[in-house]
């Protein structure tokens, strides 16, 4: 993985970071390079993305307000395939289907598989928590921070942190 991706992975749950690195290694063996474009987001960053296309200029890019995206908890990342010309955001390219297949095979939820608002770059790993952040996760985040969320998501469910 490139330096930009590693900097972003350093801020998310280590088990998720390991899965993304495994995904990248598998894809690299198939001559597909990826970059992590988003990792942990602050509530303010999430709210700004949510406002886009609603109350600010631009296209709608998310249906998740602050506190309703696993990015706010360090349990989600977005990736994009890289070409010699730069990032390839064309989700019609077959490489995207392969990225999703590898990510889901590693146990991550792929946003590309969501019915109402497919999010092709998005991958999340949330342990015992549901697909969408709930009140319990938000309370844990508010009182204990992301490390407390990670502890609750994985150690209480009997899963390991790796």
Protein backbone atom coordinates (compact mmCIF):
# COMPACT_ATOMS: atom_id res chain seq x y z
CA UNK A 1 0.00 0.00 0.00
CA UNK A 2 1.15 3.53 -0.66
CA UNK A 3 2.03 6.08 2.02
CA UNK A 4 -1.26 7.96 1.67
CA UNK A 5 -3.22 4.76 2.27
CA UNK A 6 -1.07 3.76 5.24
CA UNK A 7 -1.58 7.16 6.89
CA UNK A 8 -5.34 6.70 6.59
CA UNK A 9 -5.24 3.08 7.77
CA UNK A 10 -3.30 4.15 10.87
CA UNK A 11 -6.45 5.93 12.09
CA UNK A 12 -8.93 3.06 11.73
CA UNK A 13 -9.54 -0.14 13.67
CA UNK A 14 -6.38 -2.28 13.26
CA UNK A 15 -8.38 -5.36 12.25
CA UNK A 16 -10.02 -3.38 9.44
CA UNK A 17 -6.63 -2.00 8.38
CA UNK A 18 -5.27 -5.56 8.21
CA UNK A 19 -8.20 -6.66 6.04
CA UNK A 20 -7.65 -3.74 3.66
CA UNK A 21 -3.94 -4.59 3.44
CA UNK A 22 -4.85 -8.22 2.67
CA UNK A 23 -7.30 -7.03 0.02
CA UNK A 24 -4.62 -4.80 -1.49
CA UNK A 25 -2.07 -7.65 -1.55
CA UNK A 26 -4.53 -10.02 -3.26
CA UNK A 27 -5.44 -7.38 -5.82
CA UNK A 28 -1.82 -6.37 -6.39
CA UNK A 29 -1.07 -9.99 -7.35
CA UNK A 30 -3.70 -9.47 -10.07
CA UNK A 31 -2.10 -6.17 -11.19
CA UNK A 32 -4.79 -4.07 -9.47
CA UNK A 33 -3.53 -1.30 -7.21
CA UNK A 34 -5.85 0.46 -4.76
CA UNK A 35 -5.62 3.55 -2.60
CA UNK A 36 -7.50 4.29 0.61
CA UNK A 37 -9.23 7.61 -0.07
CA UNK A 38 -11.13 7.93 3.21
CA UNK A 39 -10.81 6.41 6.65
CA UNK A 40 -11.74 7.92 9.99
CA UNK A 41 -13.90 11.03 9.58
CA UNK A 42 -14.78 13.60 12.20
CA UNK A 43 -18.42 14.42 12.78
CA UNK A 44 -17.84 17.81 11.13
CA UNK A 45 -16.33 16.17 8.05
CA UNK A 46 -19.27 13.77 7.84
CA UNK A 47 -21.80 16.58 8.22
CA UNK A 48 -20.09 18.56 5.44
CA UNK A 49 -20.27 15.53 3.12
CA UNK A 50 -23.93 15.03 4.03
CA UNK A 51 -24.70 18.69 3.27
CA UNK A 52 -23.22 18.36 -0.22
CA UNK A 53 -26.02 18.35 -2.75
CA UNK A 54 -28.54 19.26 -0.07
CA UNK A 55 -27.59 22.63 1.41
CA UNK A 56 -24.23 23.14 -0.33
CA UNK A 57 -23.09 22.92 -3.95
CA UNK A 58 -22.30 19.55 -5.50
CA UNK A 59 -23.78 16.14 -6.04
CA UNK A 60 -25.13 14.07 -3.16
CA UNK A 61 -22.32 11.74 -2.11
CA UNK A 62 -23.72 10.16 1.06
CA UNK A 63 -26.98 9.41 2.80
CA UNK A 64 -25.20 9.25 6.16
CA UNK A 65 -25.41 12.26 8.46
CA UNK A 66 -22.82 12.68 11.21
CA UNK A 67 -22.96 9.76 13.62
CA UNK A 68 -24.63 7.44 11.12
CA UNK A 69 -21.53 6.41 9.16
CA UNK A 70 -19.04 3.84 10.37
CA UNK A 71 -16.33 6.22 9.12
CA UNK A 72 -17.05 8.27 12.27
CA UNK A 73 -16.10 5.24 14.36
CA UNK A 74 -12.96 4.16 12.49
CA UNK A 75 -14.72 1.06 11.21
CA UNK A 76 -14.99 1.96 7.51
CA UNK A 77 -12.73 2.99 4.65
CA UNK A 78 -13.22 3.97 1.04
CA UNK A 79 -10.86 2.71 -1.67
CA UNK A 80 -10.33 3.42 -5.36
CA UNK A 81 -8.36 1.52 -8.00
CA UNK A 82 -5.28 3.36 -9.25
CA UNK A 83 -4.15 3.50 -12.86
CA UNK A 84 -1.05 5.18 -14.31
CA UNK A 85 -3.36 8.14 -15.04
CA UNK A 86 -4.59 8.30 -11.44
CA UNK A 87 -7.71 7.12 -9.56
CA UNK A 88 -10.33 5.32 -11.68
CA UNK A 89 -13.78 6.31 -10.40
CA UNK A 90 -15.59 4.54 -13.27
CA UNK A 91 -17.60 1.94 -11.32
CA UNK A 92 -18.58 0.36 -14.63
CA UNK A 93 -15.00 -0.91 -15.02
CA UNK A 94 -14.77 -4.64 -14.18
CA UNK A 95 -11.97 -4.01 -11.68
CA UNK A 96 -14.57 -2.63 -9.24
CA UNK A 97 -16.45 -5.94 -9.23
CA UNK A 98 -13.20 -7.72 -8.37
CA UNK A 99 -12.43 -5.28 -5.54
CA UNK A 100 -15.87 -5.94 -4.04
CA UNK A 101 -15.46 -9.71 -4.38
CA UNK A 102 -12.10 -9.70 -2.60
CA UNK A 103 -13.31 -7.38 0.15
CA UNK A 104 -16.40 -9.44 0.92
CA UNK A 105 -14.38 -12.67 0.83
CA UNK A 106 -12.29 -11.16 3.64
CA UNK A 107 -15.41 -10.61 5.76
CA UNK A 108 -16.06 -6.94 5.11
CA UNK A 109 -19.40 -5.40 4.18
CA UNK A 110 -19.18 -3.73 0.78
CA UNK A 111 -21.23 -0.60 0.23
CA UNK A 112 -21.55 -1.62 -3.42
CA UNK A 113 -24.07 -4.23 -2.31
CA UNK A 114 -26.46 -1.76 -0.68
CA UNK A 115 -29.81 -1.59 -2.49
CA UNK A 116 -30.89 2.00 -1.93
CA UNK A 117 -27.61 3.93 -2.23
CA UNK A 118 -24.76 1.71 -3.50
CA UNK A 119 -21.41 3.07 -2.33
CA UNK A 120 -18.80 1.23 -4.40
CA UNK A 121 -15.64 2.54 -2.67
CA UNK A 122 -16.95 1.76 0.86
CA UNK A 123 -15.89 -1.23 3.00
CA UNK A 124 -16.70 -1.68 6.67
CA UNK A 125 -15.93 -4.18 9.42
CA UNK A 126 -18.15 -3.63 12.45
CA UNK A 127 -17.98 -6.77 14.58
CA UNK A 128 -21.13 -7.28 16.62
CA UNK A 129 -22.65 -3.97 15.51
CA UNK A 130 -25.25 -3.79 12.72
CA UNK A 131 -24.68 -2.43 9.21
CA UNK A 132 -25.65 1.09 10.32
CA UNK A 133 -24.38 2.69 13.55
CA UNK A 134 -26.92 2.47 16.37
CA UNK A 135 -27.53 4.47 19.55
CA UNK A 136 -25.31 2.13 21.57
CA UNK A 137 -22.32 2.72 19.28
CA UNK A 138 -22.91 6.48 19.32
CA UNK A 139 -23.08 6.51 23.14
CA UNK A 140 -19.88 4.48 23.41
CA UNK A 141 -18.14 6.84 20.99
CA UNK A 142 -19.32 9.92 22.90
CA UNK A 143 -18.23 8.56 26.28
CA UNK A 144 -15.13 6.52 25.45
CA UNK A 145 -13.91 7.38 21.95
CA UNK A 146 -13.12 5.12 19.03
CA UNK A 147 -11.01 2.68 21.04
CA UNK A 148 -14.01 1.98 23.28
CA UNK A 149 -16.16 1.36 20.20
CA UNK A 150 -13.57 -1.07 18.85
CA UNK A 151 -13.46 -2.89 22.20
CA UNK A 152 -17.25 -3.17 22.28
CA UNK A 153 -17.49 -4.24 18.64
CA UNK A 154 -14.97 -7.05 18.83
CA UNK A 155 -13.93 -8.17 22.31
CA UNK A 156 -17.44 -8.41 23.80
CA UNK A 157 -18.59 -10.56 20.90
CA UNK A 158 -15.83 -13.11 21.37
CA UNK A 159 -14.08 -12.04 18.16
CA UNK A 160 -10.40 -11.31 18.21
CA UNK A 161 -9.09 -7.87 17.44
CA UNK A 162 -7.21 -9.06 14.36
